[in-house]
Amino acid sequence: MVLIISKEFKAIANAIHTKLNRGATFLDGSGSYTGQRKEVILTVIHNYQLKRLEQTVFTIDPDAFVITGNTFNVLGSGFSRRKVY
């Protein structure tokens, strides 16, 4: 799971769709110190796509803020299917 904070959020989200064939979600955010509104991109990618995503993001916005976290389980299109017990 990757969170990206950037003023170039639309261009980055478009690149995630076109270059990585992944979806993205915009989350509304605001800086706790400045109170300035920010768009946060949330995307879930495969590990092998991480370096390509980083290269894409920092090519578009060298000042972007990127947070990468491991996820325990991802269910949905393009990932694991829900197990029925």
N, C-alpha and C. Protein backbone atom coordinates (compact mmCIF):
# COMPACT_ATOMS: atom_id res chain seq x y z
N MET A 1 0.86 -1.17 0.00
CA MET A 1 0.00 0.00 0.00
C MET A 1 0.90 1.23 0.00
N VAL A 2 0.56 2.18 -0.84
CA VAL A 2 1.36 3.38 -0.96
C VAL A 2 0.46 4.61 -0.83
N LEU A 3 0.89 5.54 0.00
CA LEU A 3 0.25 6.85 0.12
C LEU A 3 1.19 7.88 -0.49
N ILE A 4 0.66 8.75 -1.32
CA ILE A 4 1.47 9.75 -2.00
C ILE A 4 0.83 11.11 -1.78
N ILE A 5 1.62 12.06 -1.30
CA ILE A 5 1.15 13.43 -1.13
C ILE A 5 1.94 14.30 -2.10
N SER A 6 1.21 14.96 -2.99
CA SER A 6 1.87 15.77 -4.03
C SER A 6 0.90 16.79 -4.59
N LYS A 7 1.44 17.93 -4.97
CA LYS A 7 0.63 18.93 -5.67
C LYS A 7 0.26 18.45 -7.07
N GLU A 8 1.01 17.49 -7.58
CA GLU A 8 0.79 16.95 -8.93
C GLU A 8 -0.02 15.65 -8.86
N PHE A 9 -0.99 15.60 -7.96
CA PHE A 9 -1.72 14.36 -7.70
C PHE A 9 -2.46 13.84 -8.92
N LYS A 10 -2.99 14.71 -9.74
CA LYS A 10 -3.73 14.24 -10.93
C LYS A 10 -2.80 13.58 -11.93
N ALA A 11 -1.65 14.18 -12.18
CA ALA A 11 -0.69 13.60 -13.12
C ALA A 11 -0.14 12.28 -12.60
N ILE A 12 0.10 12.20 -11.30
CA ILE A 12 0.62 10.96 -10.72
C ILE A 12 -0.44 9.86 -10.80
N ALA A 13 -1.67 10.17 -10.46
CA ALA A 13 -2.74 9.17 -10.53
C ALA A 13 -2.92 8.68 -11.97
N ASN A 14 -2.85 9.59 -12.92
CA ASN A 14 -2.96 9.20 -14.33
C ASN A 14 -1.82 8.25 -14.71
N ALA A 15 -0.62 8.53 -14.24
CA ALA A 15 0.52 7.67 -14.54
C ALA A 15 0.36 6.29 -13.88
N ILE A 16 -0.21 6.24 -12.70
CA ILE A 16 -0.46 4.97 -12.03
C ILE A 16 -1.42 4.14 -12.89
N HIS A 17 -2.43 4.78 -13.44
CA HIS A 17 -3.39 4.08 -14.30
C HIS A 17 -2.74 3.60 -15.59
N THR A 18 -2.00 4.48 -16.25
CA THR A 18 -1.50 4.15 -17.58
C THR A 18 -0.21 3.34 -17.57
N LYS A 19 0.71 3.64 -16.68
CA LYS A 19 2.01 2.96 -16.69
C LYS A 19 2.03 1.68 -15.86
N LEU A 20 1.25 1.66 -14.78
CA LEU A 20 1.28 0.50 -13.89
C LEU A 20 0.01 -0.34 -13.96
N ASN A 21 -0.98 0.16 -14.69
CA ASN A 21 -2.26 -0.54 -14.83
C ASN A 21 -2.89 -0.84 -13.47
N ARG A 22 -2.84 0.14 -12.59
CA ARG A 22 -3.39 0.04 -11.25
C ARG A 22 -4.35 1.18 -11.01
N GLY A 23 -5.22 1.01 -10.06
CA GLY A 23 -6.14 2.06 -9.69
C GLY A 23 -5.57 2.91 -8.58
N ALA A 24 -6.24 4.00 -8.31
CA ALA A 24 -5.82 4.90 -7.24
C ALA A 24 -7.06 5.58 -6.67
N THR A 25 -6.98 5.98 -5.44
CA THR A 25 -8.07 6.67 -4.77
C THR A 25 -7.54 7.98 -4.20
N PHE A 26 -8.30 9.06 -4.37
CA PHE A 26 -7.93 10.34 -3.76
C PHE A 26 -8.57 10.43 -2.38
N LEU A 27 -7.76 10.78 -1.41
CA LEU A 27 -8.24 11.02 -0.05
C LEU A 27 -8.04 12.49 0.26
N ASP A 28 -8.99 13.11 0.94
CA ASP A 28 -8.84 14.51 1.35
C ASP A 28 -7.97 14.56 2.60
N GLY A 29 -7.00 15.44 2.58
CA GLY A 29 -6.12 15.61 3.73
C GLY A 29 -5.86 17.07 3.99
N SER A 30 -5.28 17.33 5.12
CA SER A 30 -4.84 18.69 5.44
C SER A 30 -3.63 18.60 6.35
N GLY A 31 -2.72 19.54 6.17
CA GLY A 31 -1.52 19.58 7.00
C GLY A 31 -1.89 19.96 8.43
N SER A 32 -1.35 19.26 9.39
CA SER A 32 -1.71 19.55 10.77
C SER A 32 -1.12 20.87 11.25
N TYR A 33 0.01 21.26 10.72
CA TYR A 33 0.64 22.50 11.14
C TYR A 33 0.08 23.70 10.37
N THR A 34 0.02 23.57 9.05
CA THR A 34 -0.41 24.70 8.22
C THR A 34 -1.92 24.75 8.01
N GLY A 35 -2.57 23.61 8.15
CA GLY A 35 -3.99 23.55 7.85
C GLY A 35 -4.27 23.54 6.36
N GLN A 36 -3.23 23.53 5.55
CA GLN A 36 -3.38 23.57 4.09
C GLN A 36 -3.97 22.24 3.60
N ARG A 37 -4.99 22.35 2.71
CA ARG A 37 -5.62 21.16 2.14
C ARG A 37 -4.65 20.47 1.19
N LYS A 38 -4.71 19.14 1.21
CA LYS A 38 -3.85 18.35 0.35
C LYS A 38 -4.63 17.15 -0.15
N GLU A 39 -4.33 16.74 -1.36
CA GLU A 39 -4.88 15.49 -1.88
C GLU A 39 -3.86 14.40 -1.60
N VAL A 40 -4.35 13.26 -1.13
CA VAL A 40 -3.51 12.11 -0.85
C VAL A 40 -3.95 11.00 -1.81
N ILE A 41 -2.99 10.39 -2.47
CA ILE A 41 -3.27 9.27 -3.36
C ILE A 41 -3.02 7.99 -2.59
N LEU A 42 -3.98 7.10 -2.65
CA LEU A 42 -3.84 5.76 -2.07
C LEU A 42 -3.87 4.76 -3.21
N THR A 43 -2.86 3.90 -3.26
CA THR A 43 -2.84 2.85 -4.27
C THR A 43 -2.25 1.60 -3.65
N VAL A 44 -2.64 0.46 -4.18
CA VAL A 44 -2.09 -0.82 -3.75
C VAL A 44 -1.46 -1.46 -4.98
N ILE A 45 -0.19 -1.79 -4.86
CA ILE A 45 0.54 -2.36 -5.98
C ILE A 45 1.26 -3.63 -5.53
N HIS A 46 1.71 -4.38 -6.49
CA HIS A 46 2.54 -5.55 -6.20
C HIS A 46 3.96 -5.07 -5.88
N ASN A 47 4.68 -5.84 -5.08
CA ASN A 47 6.04 -5.46 -4.69
C ASN A 47 6.94 -5.19 -5.88
N TYR A 48 6.80 -5.97 -6.93
CA TYR A 48 7.67 -5.80 -8.08
C TYR A 48 7.42 -4.49 -8.83
N GLN A 49 6.31 -3.81 -8.54
CA GLN A 49 6.00 -2.54 -9.19
C GLN A 49 6.49 -1.33 -8.39
N LEU A 50 7.00 -1.56 -7.18
CA LEU A 50 7.32 -0.45 -6.29
C LEU A 50 8.37 0.50 -6.85
N LYS A 51 9.47 -0.01 -7.34
CA LYS A 51 10.53 0.87 -7.86
C LYS A 51 10.05 1.65 -9.08
N ARG A 52 9.26 1.01 -9.91
CA ARG A 52 8.71 1.72 -11.08
C ARG A 52 7.78 2.84 -10.63
N LEU A 53 6.97 2.58 -9.59
CA LEU A 53 6.09 3.62 -9.06
C LEU A 53 6.91 4.77 -8.50
N GLU A 54 7.92 4.47 -7.72
CA GLU A 54 8.77 5.53 -7.15
C GLU A 54 9.40 6.37 -8.25
N GLN A 55 9.93 5.72 -9.27
CA GLN A 55 10.55 6.45 -10.38
C GLN A 55 9.52 7.34 -11.07
N THR A 56 8.33 6.83 -11.28
CA THR A 56 7.27 7.59 -11.92
C THR A 56 6.88 8.81 -11.09
N VAL A 57 6.65 8.59 -9.80
CA VAL A 57 6.24 9.69 -8.91
C VAL A 57 7.29 10.78 -8.88
N PHE A 58 8.55 10.42 -8.64
CA PHE A 58 9.59 11.43 -8.47
C PHE A 58 10.01 12.07 -9.79
N THR A 59 9.69 11.44 -10.91
CA THR A 59 9.90 12.10 -12.20
C THR A 59 8.88 13.21 -12.37
N ILE A 60 7.66 12.96 -11.95
CA ILE A 60 6.60 13.98 -12.05
C ILE A 60 6.76 15.06 -11.00
N ASP A 61 7.07 14.67 -9.76
CA ASP A 61 7.20 15.63 -8.66
C ASP A 61 8.34 15.21 -7.74
N PRO A 62 9.53 15.81 -7.92
CA PRO A 62 10.67 15.47 -7.07
C PRO A 62 10.44 15.78 -5.59
N ASP A 63 9.44 16.60 -5.28
CA ASP A 63 9.16 16.96 -3.89
C ASP A 63 8.01 16.15 -3.28
N ALA A 64 7.55 15.12 -3.97
CA ALA A 64 6.44 14.31 -3.46
C ALA A 64 6.85 13.62 -2.16
N PHE A 65 5.86 13.30 -1.36
CA PHE A 65 6.04 12.59 -0.10
C PHE A 65 5.39 11.23 -0.29
N VAL A 66 6.17 10.15 -0.15
CA VAL A 66 5.69 8.80 -0.44
C VAL A 66 5.85 7.92 0.80
N ILE A 67 4.77 7.27 1.18
CA ILE A 67 4.78 6.36 2.32
C ILE A 67 4.42 4.97 1.79
N THR A 68 5.26 4.00 2.05
CA THR A 68 5.03 2.64 1.61
C THR A 68 4.83 1.76 2.84
N GLY A 69 3.80 0.96 2.81
CA GLY A 69 3.55 0.05 3.92
C GLY A 69 3.16 -1.33 3.42
N ASN A 70 3.57 -2.33 4.16
CA ASN A 70 3.15 -3.69 3.83
C ASN A 70 1.71 -3.89 4.26
N THR A 71 0.99 -4.63 3.48
CA THR A 71 -0.39 -4.95 3.84
C THR A 71 -0.46 -6.43 4.15
N PHE A 72 -1.31 -6.77 5.07
CA PHE A 72 -1.48 -8.17 5.44
C PHE A 72 -2.32 -8.91 4.41
N ASN A 73 -3.37 -8.27 3.96
CA ASN A 73 -4.29 -8.93 3.05
C ASN A 73 -4.99 -7.89 2.19
N VAL A 74 -5.07 -8.14 0.91
CA VAL A 74 -5.77 -7.26 -0.01
C VAL A 74 -6.75 -8.11 -0.80
N LEU A 75 -8.01 -7.77 -0.69
CA LEU A 75 -9.05 -8.51 -1.41
C LEU A 75 -9.67 -7.61 -2.46
N GLY A 76 -9.87 -8.13 -3.64
CA GLY A 76 -10.51 -7.34 -4.68
C GLY A 76 -9.90 -7.61 -6.03
N SER A 77 -10.41 -6.93 -7.01
CA SER A 77 -9.99 -7.12 -8.39
C SER A 77 -8.48 -6.91 -8.55
N GLY A 78 -7.82 -7.87 -9.14
CA GLY A 78 -6.39 -7.79 -9.36
C GLY A 78 -5.57 -8.32 -8.21
N PHE A 79 -6.24 -8.70 -7.12
CA PHE A 79 -5.54 -9.22 -5.95
C PHE A 79 -6.24 -10.52 -5.52
N SER A 80 -6.17 -10.87 -4.26
CA SER A 80 -6.75 -12.11 -3.77
C SER A 80 -8.27 -12.08 -3.81
N ARG A 81 -8.84 -13.24 -3.98
CA ARG A 81 -10.29 -13.38 -3.92
C ARG A 81 -10.69 -13.72 -2.49
N ARG A 82 -11.85 -13.28 -2.10
CA ARG A 82 -12.38 -13.56 -0.78
C ARG A 82 -12.63 -15.06 -0.65
N LYS A 83 -12.16 -15.62 0.46
CA LYS A 83 -12.40 -17.04 0.72
C LYS A 83 -13.73 -17.20 1.41
N VAL A 84 -14.51 -18.16 0.94
CA VAL A 84 -15.80 -18.45 1.54
C VAL A 84 -15.65 -19.71 2.37
N TYR A 85 -16.00 -19.61 3.64
CA TYR A 85 -15.84 -20.77 4.54
C TYR A 85 -17.17 -21.40 4.83
